[in-house]
Amino acid sequence: MLQGVTMKLDITNKNVNPLFNRTEVSFEIRHDAETPSRASVIKEIASALKSDENLVVIEYIKQPFGKKMCYGRARVYKSEQDMKVEPKHLLERAAKSLGKKGEKAAEGQGEKPAEGS
């Protein structure tokens, strides 16, 4: 985001889900300028919940038209192993926004069989 632009994160709902070893949060963000990037939202959620940025997956972020606020839902896991229950496209989106292009996507793919056999 631009320097001098403020972004305030409020966690509106927090649910600990012991079955999946994760914390599910609903959040609201008030901002001065453009909609914050997924990467900046992940960093804010990770710092608010004292977690690693790599363990945060944003389900969605929505912004009502013309308002300087947005809301969404995210899940914070305890380990990378626990994240395997997440849909693949959400893991790819989280990795891409944090600058780890293709790292998460490569984990889910095995070796392809040879075509000429």
PDB file of N, CA and C in Angstrom:
ATOM      1  N   MET A   1       0.836  -1.187   0.000  1.00  0.00           N
ATOM      2  CA  MET A   1       0.000   0.000   0.000  1.00  0.00           C
ATOM      3  C   MET A   1       0.876   1.244   0.000  1.00  0.00           C
ATOM      4  N   LEU A   2       0.292   2.375  -0.268  1.00  0.00           N
ATOM      5  CA  LEU A   2       1.012   3.630  -0.289  1.00  0.00           C
ATOM      6  C   LEU A   2       1.398   4.053   1.112  1.00  0.00           C
ATOM      7  N   GLN A   3       2.480   4.820   1.202  1.00  0.00           N
ATOM      8  CA  GLN A   3       2.898   5.306   2.509  1.00  0.00           C
ATOM      9  C   GLN A   3       1.899   6.331   3.004  1.00  0.00           C
ATOM     10  N   GLY A   4       1.648   6.319   4.291  1.00  0.00           N
ATOM     11  CA  GLY A   4       0.714   7.264   4.877  1.00  0.00           C
ATOM     12  C   GLY A   4      -0.731   6.807   4.831  1.00  0.00           C
ATOM     13  N   VAL A   5      -0.992   5.711   4.143  1.00  0.00           N
ATOM     14  CA  VAL A   5      -2.346   5.174   4.053  1.00  0.00           C
ATOM     15  C   VAL A   5      -2.560   4.243   5.235  1.00  0.00           C
ATOM     16  N   THR A   6      -3.666   4.452   5.935  1.00  0.00           N
ATOM     17  CA  THR A   6      -3.916   3.612   7.105  1.00  0.00           C
ATOM     18  C   THR A   6      -4.899   2.498   6.771  1.00  0.00           C
ATOM     19  N   MET A   7      -4.737   1.413   7.501  1.00  0.00           N
ATOM     20  CA  MET A   7      -5.605   0.260   7.354  1.00  0.00           C
ATOM     21  C   MET A   7      -5.830  -0.282   8.753  1.00  0.00           C
ATOM     22  N   LYS A   8      -7.095  -0.395   9.164  1.00  0.00           N
ATOM     23  CA  LYS A   8      -7.408  -0.864  10.515  1.00  0.00           C
ATOM     24  C   LYS A   8      -8.189  -2.163  10.411  1.00  0.00           C
ATOM     25  N   LEU A   9      -7.637  -3.215  11.006  1.00  0.00           N
ATOM     26  CA  LEU A   9      -8.256  -4.532  10.984  1.00  0.00           C
ATOM     27  C   LEU A   9      -9.025  -4.751  12.274  1.00  0.00           C
ATOM     28  N   ASP A  10     -10.290  -5.155  12.149  1.00  0.00           N
ATOM     29  CA  ASP A  10     -11.109  -5.549  13.298  1.00  0.00           C
ATOM     30  C   ASP A  10     -11.560  -6.982  13.072  1.00  0.00           C
ATOM     31  N   ILE A  11     -11.261  -7.852  14.032  1.00  0.00           N
ATOM     32  CA  ILE A  11     -11.736  -9.229  13.948  1.00  0.00           C
ATOM     33  C   ILE A  11     -13.121  -9.257  14.576  1.00  0.00           C
ATOM     34  N   THR A  12     -14.133  -9.533  13.751  1.00  0.00           N
ATOM     35  CA  THR A  12     -15.518  -9.476  14.217  1.00  0.00           C
ATOM     36  C   THR A  12     -15.992 -10.790  14.811  1.00  0.00           C
ATOM     37  N   ASN A  13     -15.391 -11.905  14.375  1.00  0.00           N
ATOM     38  CA  ASN A  13     -15.784 -13.213  14.898  1.00  0.00           C
ATOM     39  C   ASN A  13     -14.566 -14.125  14.852  1.00  0.00           C
ATOM     40  N   LYS A  14     -14.363 -14.879  15.915  1.00  0.00           N
ATOM     41  CA  LYS A  14     -13.222 -15.788  15.991  1.00  0.00           C
ATOM     42  C   LYS A  14     -13.720 -17.129  16.507  1.00  0.00           C
ATOM     43  N   ASN A  15     -13.500 -18.179  15.733  1.00  0.00           N
ATOM     44  CA  ASN A  15     -13.965 -19.509  16.098  1.00  0.00           C
ATOM     45  C   ASN A  15     -12.790 -20.482  16.023  1.00  0.00           C
ATOM     46  N   VAL A  16     -12.476 -21.134  17.135  1.00  0.00           N
ATOM     47  CA  VAL A  16     -11.416 -22.140  17.151  1.00  0.00           C
ATOM     48  C   VAL A  16     -12.032 -23.474  16.741  1.00  0.00           C
ATOM     49  N   ASN A  17     -11.478 -24.079  15.703  1.00  0.00           N
ATOM     50  CA  ASN A  17     -11.974 -25.345  15.182  1.00  0.00           C
ATOM     51  C   ASN A  17     -10.922 -26.423  15.461  1.00  0.00           C
ATOM     52  N   PRO A  18     -11.062 -27.160  16.570  1.00  0.00           N
ATOM     53  CA  PRO A  18     -10.041 -28.155  16.922  1.00  0.00           C
ATOM     54  C   PRO A  18     -10.008 -29.355  15.977  1.00  0.00           C
ATOM     55  N   LEU A  19     -11.092 -29.636  15.288  1.00  0.00           N
ATOM     56  CA  LEU A  19     -11.126 -30.764  14.365  1.00  0.00           C
ATOM     57  C   LEU A  19     -10.126 -30.576  13.223  1.00  0.00           C
ATOM     58  N   PHE A  20     -10.028 -29.348  12.708  1.00  0.00           N
ATOM     59  CA  PHE A  20      -9.118 -29.049  11.607  1.00  0.00           C
ATOM     60  C   PHE A  20      -7.852 -28.331  12.063  1.00  0.00           C
ATOM     61  N   ASN A  21      -7.660 -28.169  13.368  1.00  0.00           N
ATOM     62  CA  ASN A  21      -6.495 -27.458  13.917  1.00  0.00           C
ATOM     63  C   ASN A  21      -6.344 -26.073  13.299  1.00  0.00           C
ATOM     64  N   ARG A  22      -7.424 -25.317  13.307  1.00  0.00           N
ATOM     65  CA  ARG A  22      -7.380 -23.981  12.727  1.00  0.00           C
ATOM     66  C   ARG A  22      -8.281 -23.036  13.504  1.00  0.00           C
ATOM     67  N   THR A  23      -8.055 -21.751  13.292  1.00  0.00           N
ATOM     68  CA  THR A  23      -8.905 -20.704  13.834  1.00  0.00           C
ATOM     69  C   THR A  23      -9.564 -20.013  12.648  1.00  0.00           C
ATOM     70  N   GLU A  24     -10.883 -19.931  12.674  1.00  0.00           N
ATOM     71  CA  GLU A  24     -11.629 -19.296  11.592  1.00  0.00           C
ATOM     72  C   GLU A  24     -12.017 -17.902  12.060  1.00  0.00           C
ATOM     73  N   VAL A  25     -11.675 -16.887  11.272  1.00  0.00           N
ATOM     74  CA  VAL A  25     -11.958 -15.511  11.668  1.00  0.00           C
ATOM     75  C   VAL A  25     -12.749 -14.795  10.583  1.00  0.00           C
ATOM     76  N   SER A  26     -13.667 -13.958  11.026  1.00  0.00           N
ATOM     77  CA  SER A  26     -14.332 -13.002  10.147  1.00  0.00           C
ATOM     78  C   SER A  26     -13.735 -11.653  10.499  1.00  0.00           C
ATOM     79  N   PHE A  27     -13.483 -10.842   9.496  1.00  0.00           N
ATOM     80  CA  PHE A  27     -12.810  -9.568   9.752  1.00  0.00           C
ATOM     81  C   PHE A  27     -13.442  -8.438   8.959  1.00  0.00           C
ATOM     82  N   GLU A  28     -13.145  -7.240   9.409  1.00  0.00           N
ATOM     83  CA  GLU A  28     -13.577  -6.015   8.745  1.00  0.00           C
ATOM     84  C   GLU A  28     -12.366  -5.094   8.703  1.00  0.00           C
ATOM     85  N   ILE A  29     -12.136  -4.474   7.556  1.00  0.00           N
ATOM     86  CA  ILE A  29     -10.995  -3.582   7.399  1.00  0.00           C
ATOM     87  C   ILE A  29     -11.500  -2.220   6.957  1.00  0.00           C
ATOM     88  N   ARG A  30     -11.067  -1.206   7.657  1.00  0.00           N
ATOM     89  CA  ARG A  30     -11.344   0.181   7.261  1.00  0.00           C
ATOM     90  C   ARG A  30     -10.048   0.745   6.697  1.00  0.00           C
ATOM     91  N   HIS A  31     -10.138   1.397   5.533  1.00  0.00           N
ATOM     92  CA  HIS A  31      -8.939   1.900   4.864  1.00  0.00           C
ATOM     93  C   HIS A  31      -9.217   3.255   4.245  1.00  0.00           C
ATOM     94  N   ASP A  32      -8.135   4.007   4.000  1.00  0.00           N
ATOM     95  CA  ASP A  32      -8.252   5.358   3.454  1.00  0.00           C
ATOM     96  C   ASP A  32      -8.290   5.389   1.932  1.00  0.00           C
ATOM     97  N   ALA A  33      -7.556   4.505   1.297  1.00  0.00           N
ATOM     98  CA  ALA A  33      -7.414   4.571  -0.155  1.00  0.00           C
ATOM     99  C   ALA A  33      -7.989   3.316  -0.809  1.00  0.00           C
ATOM    100  N   GLU A  34      -7.203   2.712  -1.697  1.00  0.00           N
ATOM    101  CA  GLU A  34      -7.677   1.543  -2.437  1.00  0.00           C
ATOM    102  C   GLU A  34      -7.859   0.340  -1.523  1.00  0.00           C
ATOM    103  N   THR A  35      -8.543  -0.666  -2.053  1.00  0.00           N
ATOM    104  CA  THR A  35      -8.735  -1.912  -1.314  1.00  0.00           C
ATOM    105  C   THR A  35      -7.368  -2.521  -1.031  1.00  0.00           C
ATOM    106  N   PRO A  36      -7.114  -2.933   0.203  1.00  0.00           N
ATOM    107  CA  PRO A  36      -5.809  -3.518   0.525  1.00  0.00           C
ATOM    108  C   PRO A  36      -5.578  -4.829  -0.227  1.00  0.00           C
ATOM    109  N   SER A  37      -4.332  -5.113  -0.515  1.00  0.00           N
ATOM    110  CA  SER A  37      -3.992  -6.351  -1.221  1.00  0.00           C
ATOM    111  C   SER A  37      -4.172  -7.547  -0.295  1.00  0.00           C
ATOM    112  N   ARG A  38      -4.297  -8.719  -0.897  1.00  0.00           N
ATOM    113  CA  ARG A  38      -4.424  -9.946  -0.102  1.00  0.00           C
ATOM    114  C   ARG A  38      -3.194 -10.137   0.775  1.00  0.00           C
ATOM    115  N   ALA A  39      -2.021  -9.795   0.255  1.00  0.00           N
ATOM    116  CA  ALA A  39      -0.780  -9.960   1.019  1.00  0.00           C
ATOM    117  C   ALA A  39      -0.785  -9.086   2.269  1.00  0.00           C
ATOM    118  N   SER A  40      -1.236  -7.841   2.142  1.00  0.00           N
ATOM    119  CA  SER A  40      -1.256  -6.965   3.317  1.00  0.00           C
ATOM    120  C   SER A  40      -2.310  -7.418   4.324  1.00  0.00           C
ATOM    121  N   VAL A  41      -3.417  -7.967   3.841  1.00  0.00           N
ATOM    122  CA  VAL A  41      -4.444  -8.486   4.750  1.00  0.00           C
ATOM    123  C   VAL A  41      -3.919  -9.723   5.482  1.00  0.00           C
ATOM    124  N   ILE A  42      -3.216 -10.595   4.766  1.00  0.00           N
ATOM    125  CA  ILE A  42      -2.629 -11.782   5.392  1.00  0.00           C
ATOM    126  C   ILE A  42      -1.646 -11.368   6.482  1.00  0.00           C
ATOM    127  N   LYS A  43      -0.818 -10.371   6.199  1.00  0.00           N
ATOM    128  CA  LYS A  43       0.157  -9.902   7.193  1.00  0.00           C
ATOM    129  C   LYS A  43      -0.534  -9.340   8.425  1.00  0.00           C
ATOM    130  N   GLU A  44      -1.598  -8.577   8.220  1.00  0.00           N
ATOM    131  CA  GLU A  44      -2.335  -8.000   9.353  1.00  0.00           C
ATOM    132  C   GLU A  44      -2.989  -9.083  10.206  1.00  0.00           C
ATOM    133  N   ILE A  45      -3.610 -10.062   9.564  1.00  0.00           N
ATOM    134  CA  ILE A  45      -4.266 -11.145  10.305  1.00  0.00           C
ATOM    135  C   ILE A  45      -3.230 -11.967  11.068  1.00  0.00           C
ATOM    136  N   ALA A  46      -2.105 -12.260  10.419  1.00  0.00           N
ATOM    137  CA  ALA A  46      -1.050 -13.038  11.077  1.00  0.00           C
ATOM    138  C   ALA A  46      -0.505 -12.302  12.298  1.00  0.00           C
ATOM    139  N   SER A  47      -0.323 -10.995  12.180  1.00  0.00           N
ATOM    140  CA  SER A  47       0.192 -10.252  13.336  1.00  0.00           C
ATOM    141  C   SER A  47      -0.859 -10.126  14.433  1.00  0.00           C
ATOM    142  N   ALA A  48      -2.125  -9.998  14.062  1.00  0.00           N
ATOM    143  CA  ALA A  48      -3.184  -9.885  15.071  1.00  0.00           C
ATOM    144  C   ALA A  48      -3.357 -11.183  15.850  1.00  0.00           C
ATOM    145  N   LEU A  49      -3.173 -12.316  15.180  1.00  0.00           N
ATOM    146  CA  LEU A  49      -3.352 -13.616  15.833  1.00  0.00           C
ATOM    147  C   LEU A  49      -2.026 -14.264  16.232  1.00  0.00           C
ATOM    148  N   LYS A  50      -0.934 -13.510  16.078  1.00  0.00           N
ATOM    149  CA  LYS A  50       0.406 -13.990  16.444  1.00  0.00           C
ATOM    150  C   LYS A  50       0.710 -15.340  15.785  1.00  0.00           C
ATOM    151  N   SER A  51       0.579 -15.357  14.472  1.00  0.00           N
ATOM    152  CA  SER A  51       0.788 -16.574  13.698  1.00  0.00           C
ATOM    153  C   SER A  51       1.744 -16.286  12.547  1.00  0.00           C
ATOM    154  N   ASP A  52       2.135 -17.333  11.851  1.00  0.00           N
ATOM    155  CA  ASP A  52       2.997 -17.214  10.684  1.00  0.00           C
ATOM    156  C   ASP A  52       2.139 -16.848   9.467  1.00  0.00           C
ATOM    157  N   GLU A  53       2.653 -15.970   8.610  1.00  0.00           N
ATOM    158  CA  GLU A  53       1.907 -15.549   7.421  1.00  0.00           C
ATOM    159  C   GLU A  53       1.622 -16.717   6.481  1.00  0.00           C
ATOM    160  N   ASN A  54       2.500 -17.708   6.463  1.00  0.00           N
ATOM    161  CA  ASN A  54       2.329 -18.856   5.567  1.00  0.00           C
ATOM    162  C   ASN A  54       1.193 -19.772   5.993  1.00  0.00           C
ATOM    163  N   LEU A  55       0.659 -19.573   7.192  1.00  0.00           N
ATOM    164  CA  LEU A  55      -0.409 -20.434   7.708  1.00  0.00           C
ATOM    165  C   LEU A  55      -1.783 -19.774   7.625  1.00  0.00           C
ATOM    166  N   VAL A  56      -1.867 -18.619   6.956  1.00  0.00           N
ATOM    167  CA  VAL A  56      -3.131 -17.884   6.826  1.00  0.00           C
ATOM    168  C   VAL A  56      -3.666 -18.063   5.408  1.00  0.00           C
ATOM    169  N   VAL A  57      -4.942 -18.446   5.302  1.00  0.00           N
ATOM    170  CA  VAL A  57      -5.607 -18.585   4.005  1.00  0.00           C
ATOM    171  C   VAL A  57      -6.857 -17.718   4.038  1.00  0.00           C
ATOM    172  N   ILE A  58      -6.966 -16.814   3.070  1.00  0.00           N
ATOM    173  CA  ILE A  58      -8.145 -15.949   2.987  1.00  0.00           C
ATOM    174  C   ILE A  58      -9.185 -16.638   2.116  1.00  0.00           C
ATOM    175  N   GLU A  59     -10.368 -16.805   2.677  1.00  0.00           N
ATOM    176  CA  GLU A  59     -11.456 -17.414   1.912  1.00  0.00           C
ATOM    177  C   GLU A  59     -12.015 -16.400   0.915  1.00  0.00           C
ATOM    178  N   TYR A  60     -12.315 -15.199   1.391  1.00  0.00           N
ATOM    179  CA  TYR A  60     -12.787 -14.142   0.500  1.00  0.00           C
ATOM    180  C   TYR A  60     -12.601 -12.778   1.155  1.00  0.00           C
ATOM    181  N   ILE A  61     -12.570 -11.752   0.289  1.00  0.00           N
ATOM    182  CA  ILE A  61     -12.595 -10.352   0.715  1.00  0.00           C
ATOM    183  C   ILE A  61     -13.621  -9.671  -0.179  1.00  0.00           C
ATOM    184  N   LYS A  62     -14.573  -8.976   0.419  1.00  0.00           N
ATOM    185  CA  LYS A  62     -15.590  -8.259  -0.351  1.00  0.00           C
ATOM    186  C   LYS A  62     -15.617  -6.804   0.089  1.00  0.00           C
ATOM    187  N   GLN A  63     -15.912  -5.929  -0.860  1.00  0.00           N
ATOM    188  CA  GLN A  63     -15.999  -4.506  -0.565  1.00  0.00           C
ATOM    189  C   GLN A  63     -17.289  -3.946  -1.153  1.00  0.00           C
ATOM    190  N   PRO A  64     -18.152  -3.393  -0.291  1.00  0.00           N
ATOM    191  CA  PRO A  64     -19.354  -2.731  -0.812  1.00  0.00           C
ATOM    192  C   PRO A  64     -18.954  -1.533  -1.678  1.00  0.00           C
ATOM    193  N   PHE A  65     -19.686  -1.303  -2.751  1.00  0.00           N
ATOM    194  CA  PHE A  65     -19.357  -0.233  -3.685  1.00  0.00           C
ATOM    195  C   PHE A  65     -19.349   1.124  -2.996  1.00  0.00           C
ATOM    196  N   GLY A  66     -18.292   1.877  -3.220  1.00  0.00           N
ATOM    197  CA  GLY A  66     -18.201   3.243  -2.730  1.00  0.00           C
ATOM    198  C   GLY A  66     -17.841   3.395  -1.264  1.00  0.00           C
ATOM    199  N   LYS A  67     -17.582   2.319  -0.572  1.00  0.00           N
ATOM    200  CA  LYS A  67     -17.254   2.418   0.854  1.00  0.00           C
ATOM    201  C   LYS A  67     -15.769   2.176   1.065  1.00  0.00           C
ATOM    202  N   LYS A  68     -15.245   2.790   2.087  1.00  0.00           N
ATOM    203  CA  LYS A  68     -13.831   2.629   2.425  1.00  0.00           C
ATOM    204  C   LYS A  68     -13.677   1.576   3.508  1.00  0.00           C
ATOM    205  N   MET A  69     -14.325   0.451   3.288  1.00  0.00           N
ATOM    206  CA  MET A  69     -14.207  -0.694   4.186  1.00  0.00           C
ATOM    207  C   MET A  69     -14.443  -1.952   3.375  1.00  0.00           C
ATOM    208  N   CYS A  70     -13.889  -3.045   3.860  1.00  0.00           N
ATOM    209  CA  CYS A  70     -14.145  -4.338   3.252  1.00  0.00           C
ATOM    210  C   CYS A  70     -14.239  -5.367   4.369  1.00  0.00           C
ATOM    211  N   TYR A  71     -14.788  -6.505   4.038  1.00  0.00           N
ATOM    212  CA  TYR A  71     -14.956  -7.553   5.035  1.00  0.00           C
ATOM    213  C   TYR A  71     -14.621  -8.890   4.386  1.00  0.00           C
ATOM    214  N   GLY A  72     -14.358  -9.873   5.211  1.00  0.00           N
ATOM    215  CA  GLY A  72     -14.024 -11.173   4.658  1.00  0.00           C
ATOM    216  C   GLY A  72     -13.888 -12.230   5.725  1.00  0.00           C
ATOM    217  N   ARG A  73     -13.398 -13.380   5.283  1.00  0.00           N
ATOM    218  CA  ARG A  73     -13.222 -14.513   6.184  1.00  0.00           C
ATOM    219  C   ARG A  73     -11.884 -15.170   5.861  1.00  0.00           C
ATOM    220  N   ALA A  74     -11.192 -15.605   6.911  1.00  0.00           N
ATOM    221  CA  ALA A  74      -9.892 -16.260   6.747  1.00  0.00           C
ATOM    222  C   ALA A  74      -9.771 -17.413   7.729  1.00  0.00           C
ATOM    223  N   ARG A  75      -8.813 -18.288   7.433  1.00  0.00           N
ATOM    224  CA  ARG A  75      -8.533 -19.420   8.319  1.00  0.00           C
ATOM    225  C   ARG A  75      -7.040 -19.421   8.627  1.00  0.00           C
ATOM    226  N   VAL A  76      -6.727 -19.595   9.913  1.00  0.00           N
ATOM    227  CA  VAL A  76      -5.335 -19.618  10.362  1.00  0.00           C
ATOM    228  C   VAL A  76      -5.053 -21.010  10.912  1.00  0.00           C
ATOM    229  N   TYR A  77      -4.104 -21.697  10.300  1.00  0.00           N
ATOM    230  CA  TYR A  77      -3.784 -23.072  10.683  1.00  0.00           C
ATOM    231  C   TYR A  77      -2.620 -23.110  11.661  1.00  0.00           C
ATOM    232  N   LYS A  78      -2.484 -24.251  12.337  1.00  0.00           N
ATOM    233  CA  LYS A  78      -1.395 -24.437  13.296  1.00  0.00           C
ATOM    234  C   LYS A  78      -0.126 -24.945  12.617  1.00  0.00           C
ATOM    235  N   SER A  79      -0.261 -25.671  11.503  1.00  0.00           N
ATOM    236  CA  SER A  79       0.908 -26.165  10.775  1.00  0.00           C
ATOM    237  C   SER A  79       0.566 -26.289   9.290  1.00  0.00           C
ATOM    238  N   GLU A  80       1.604 -26.399   8.468  1.00  0.00           N
ATOM    239  CA  GLU A  80       1.391 -26.555   7.026  1.00  0.00           C
ATOM    240  C   GLU A  80       0.730 -27.892   6.716  1.00  0.00           C
ATOM    241  N   GLN A  81       0.986 -28.895   7.529  1.00  0.00           N
ATOM    242  CA  GLN A  81       0.369 -30.212   7.340  1.00  0.00           C
ATOM    243  C   GLN A  81      -1.155 -30.107   7.459  1.00  0.00           C
ATOM    244  N   ASP A  82      -1.638 -29.274   8.382  1.00  0.00           N
ATOM    245  CA  ASP A  82      -3.080 -29.110   8.583  1.00  0.00           C
ATOM    246  C   ASP A  82      -3.752 -28.406   7.407  1.00  0.00           C
ATOM    247  N   MET A  83      -2.980 -27.685   6.601  1.00  0.00           N
ATOM    248  CA  MET A  83      -3.542 -26.920   5.488  1.00  0.00           C
ATOM    249  C   MET A  83      -3.955 -27.800   4.308  1.00  0.00           C
ATOM    250  N   LYS A  84      -3.673 -29.074   4.359  1.00  0.00           N
ATOM    251  CA  LYS A  84      -3.986 -29.961   3.228  1.00  0.00           C
ATOM    252  C   LYS A  84      -5.482 -30.112   2.989  1.00  0.00           C
ATOM    253  N   VAL A  85      -6.316 -29.721   3.945  1.00  0.00           N
ATOM    254  CA  VAL A  85      -7.764 -29.814   3.757  1.00  0.00           C
ATOM    255  C   VAL A  85      -8.310 -28.623   2.969  1.00  0.00           C
ATOM    256  N   GLU A  86      -7.486 -27.591   2.770  1.00  0.00           N
ATOM    257  CA  GLU A  86      -7.917 -26.399   2.031  1.00  0.00           C
ATOM    258  C   GLU A  86      -8.041 -26.720   0.543  1.00  0.00           C
ATOM    259  N   PRO A  87      -9.009 -26.097  -0.132  1.00  0.00           N
ATOM    260  CA  PRO A  87      -9.091 -26.255  -1.589  1.00  0.00           C
ATOM    261  C   PRO A  87      -7.807 -25.747  -2.255  1.00  0.00           C
ATOM    262  N   LYS A  88      -7.391 -26.429  -3.294  1.00  0.00           N
ATOM    263  CA  LYS A  88      -6.124 -26.143  -3.967  1.00  0.00           C
ATOM    264  C   LYS A  88      -6.050 -24.698  -4.477  1.00  0.00           C
ATOM    265  N   HIS A  89      -7.152 -24.189  -5.009  1.00  0.00           N
ATOM    266  CA  HIS A  89      -7.114 -22.840  -5.577  1.00  0.00           C
ATOM    267  C   HIS A  89      -6.883 -21.773  -4.503  1.00  0.00           C
ATOM    268  N   LEU A  90      -7.363 -22.003  -3.283  1.00  0.00           N
ATOM    269  CA  LEU A  90      -7.127 -21.038  -2.208  1.00  0.00           C
ATOM    270  C   LEU A  90      -5.669 -21.069  -1.757  1.00  0.00           C
ATOM    271  N   LEU A  91      -5.066 -22.250  -1.727  1.00  0.00           N
ATOM    272  CA  LEU A  91      -3.647 -22.354  -1.379  1.00  0.00           C
ATOM    273  C   LEU A  91      -2.778 -21.673  -2.431  1.00  0.00           C
ATOM    274  N   GLU A  92      -3.131 -21.852  -3.709  1.00  0.00           N
ATOM    275  CA  GLU A  92      -2.382 -21.206  -4.787  1.00  0.00           C
ATOM    276  C   GLU A  92      -2.506 -19.690  -4.703  1.00  0.00           C
ATOM    277  N   ARG A  93      -3.700 -19.205  -4.401  1.00  0.00           N
ATOM    278  CA  ARG A  93      -3.930 -17.775  -4.271  1.00  0.00           C
ATOM    279  C   ARG A  93      -3.111 -17.183  -3.125  1.00  0.00           C
ATOM    280  N   ALA A  94      -3.079 -17.891  -1.996  1.00  0.00           N
ATOM    281  CA  ALA A  94      -2.316 -17.416  -0.840  1.00  0.00           C
ATOM    282  C   ALA A  94      -0.824 -17.398  -1.156  1.00  0.00           C
ATOM    283  N   ALA A  95      -0.330 -18.439  -1.812  1.00  0.00           N
ATOM    284  CA  ALA A  95       1.089 -18.503  -2.163  1.00  0.00           C
ATOM    285  C   ALA A  95       1.452 -17.404  -3.157  1.00  0.00           C
ATOM    286  N   LYS A  96       0.582 -17.166  -4.122  1.00  0.00           N
ATOM    287  CA  LYS A  96       0.837 -16.137  -5.133  1.00  0.00           C
ATOM    288  C   LYS A  96       0.874 -14.746  -4.504  1.00  0.00           C
ATOM    289  N   SER A  97      -0.031 -14.481  -3.582  1.00  0.00           N
ATOM    290  CA  SER A  97      -0.077 -13.154  -2.971  1.00  0.00           C
ATOM    291  C   SER A  97       1.124 -12.908  -2.069  1.00  0.00           C
ATOM    292  N   LEU A  98       1.709 -13.966  -1.509  1.00  0.00           N
ATOM    293  CA  LEU A  98       2.894 -13.813  -0.665  1.00  0.00           C
ATOM    294  C   LEU A  98       4.191 -13.928  -1.464  1.00  0.00           C
ATOM    295  N   GLY A  99       4.080 -14.106  -2.781  1.00  0.00           N
ATOM    296  CA  GLY A  99       5.258 -14.129  -3.629  1.00  0.00           C
ATOM    297  C   GLY A  99       5.904 -15.490  -3.771  1.00  0.00           C
ATOM    298  N   LYS A 100       5.198 -16.548  -3.465  1.00  0.00           N
ATOM    299  CA  LYS A 100       5.742 -17.899  -3.595  1.00  0.00           C
ATOM    300  C   LYS A 100       5.071 -18.579  -4.768  1.00  0.00           C
ATOM    301  N   LYS A 101       5.222 -18.052  -5.926  1.00  0.00           N
ATOM    302  CA  LYS A 101       4.519 -18.518  -7.109  1.00  0.00           C
ATOM    303  C   LYS A 101       4.791 -19.992  -7.392  1.00  0.00           C
ATOM    304  N   GLY A 102       3.738 -20.770  -7.435  1.00  0.00           N
ATOM    305  CA  GLY A 102       3.834 -22.164  -7.808  1.00  0.00           C
ATOM    306  C   GLY A 102       4.337 -23.108  -6.727  1.00  0.00           C
ATOM    307  N   GLU A 103       4.804 -22.592  -5.604  1.00  0.00           N
ATOM    308  CA  GLU A 103       5.351 -23.460  -4.559  1.00  0.00           C
ATOM    309  C   GLU A 103       4.281 -24.368  -3.981  1.00  0.00           C
ATOM    310  N   LYS A 104       3.138 -23.808  -3.626  1.00  0.00           N
ATOM    311  CA  LYS A 104       2.053 -24.603  -3.052  1.00  0.00           C
ATOM    312  C   LYS A 104       1.436 -25.507  -4.113  1.00  0.00           C
ATOM    313  N   ALA A 105       1.343 -25.028  -5.346  1.00  0.00           N
ATOM    314  CA  ALA A 105       0.727 -25.820  -6.402  1.00  0.00           C
ATOM    315  C   ALA A 105       1.567 -27.050  -6.718  1.00  0.00           C
ATOM    316  N   ALA A 106       2.882 -26.928  -6.642  1.00  0.00           N
ATOM    317  CA  ALA A 106       3.769 -28.042  -6.958  1.00  0.00           C
ATOM    318  C   ALA A 106       3.657 -29.161  -5.928  1.00  0.00           C
ATOM    319  N   GLU A 107       3.315 -28.830  -4.701  1.00  0.00           N
ATOM    320  CA  GLU A 107       3.195 -29.842  -3.655  1.00  0.00           C
ATOM    321  C   GLU A 107       2.103 -30.856  -3.976  1.00  0.00           C
ATOM    322  N   GLY A 108       0.995 -30.399  -4.537  1.00  0.00           N
ATOM    323  CA  GLY A 108      -0.147 -31.268  -4.779  1.00  0.00           C
ATOM    324  C   GLY A 108      -0.023 -32.134  -6.018  1.00  0.00           C
ATOM    325  N   GLN A 109       0.953 -31.851  -6.890  1.00  0.00           N
ATOM    326  CA  GLN A 109       1.073 -32.593  -8.137  1.00  0.00           C
ATOM    327  C   GLN A 109       2.179 -33.631  -8.034  1.00  0.00           C
ATOM    328  N   GLY A 110       1.889 -34.826  -8.483  1.00  0.00           N
ATOM    329  CA  GLY A 110       2.899 -35.878  -8.521  1.00  0.00           C
ATOM    330  C   GLY A 110       3.598 -35.858  -9.867  1.00  0.00           C
ATOM    331  N   GLU A 111       4.459 -36.850 -10.097  1.00  0.00           N
ATOM    332  CA  GLU A 111       5.130 -36.930 -11.385  1.00  0.00           C
ATOM    333  C   GLU A 111       4.152 -37.427 -12.436  1.00  0.00           C
ATOM    334  N   LYS A 112       4.287 -36.878 -13.636  1.00  0.00           N
ATOM    335  CA  LYS A 112       3.411 -37.274 -14.736  1.00  0.00           C
ATOM    336  C   LYS A 112       4.015 -38.486 -15.441  1.00  0.00           C
ATOM    337  N   PRO A 113       3.175 -39.427 -15.890  1.00  0.00           N
ATOM    338  CA  PRO A 113       3.712 -40.588 -16.603  1.00  0.00           C
ATOM    339  C   PRO A 113       4.263 -40.182 -17.965  1.00  0.00           C
ATOM    340  N   ALA A 114       5.218 -40.951 -18.465  1.00  0.00           N
ATOM    341  CA  ALA A 114       5.815 -40.674 -19.771  1.00  0.00           C
ATOM    342  C   ALA A 114       4.772 -40.930 -20.858  1.00  0.00           C
ATOM    343  N   GLU A 115       4.740 -40.044 -21.861  1.00  0.00           N
ATOM    344  CA  GLU A 115       3.733 -40.151 -22.908  1.00  0.00           C
ATOM    345  C   GLU A 115       4.101 -41.176 -23.972  1.00  0.00           C
ATOM    346  N   GLY A 116       5.383 -41.388 -24.209  1.00  0.00           N
ATOM    347  CA  GLY A 116       5.812 -42.257 -25.297  1.00  0.00           C
ATOM    348  C   GLY A 116       5.821 -43.734 -24.946  1.00  0.00           C
ATOM    349  N   SER A 117       5.456 -44.129 -23.770  1.00  0.00           N
ATOM    350  CA  SER A 117       5.552 -45.538 -23.359  1.00  0.00           C
ATOM    351  C   SER A 117       4.439 -46.371 -23.894  1.00  0.00           C
TER     352      SER A 117
END
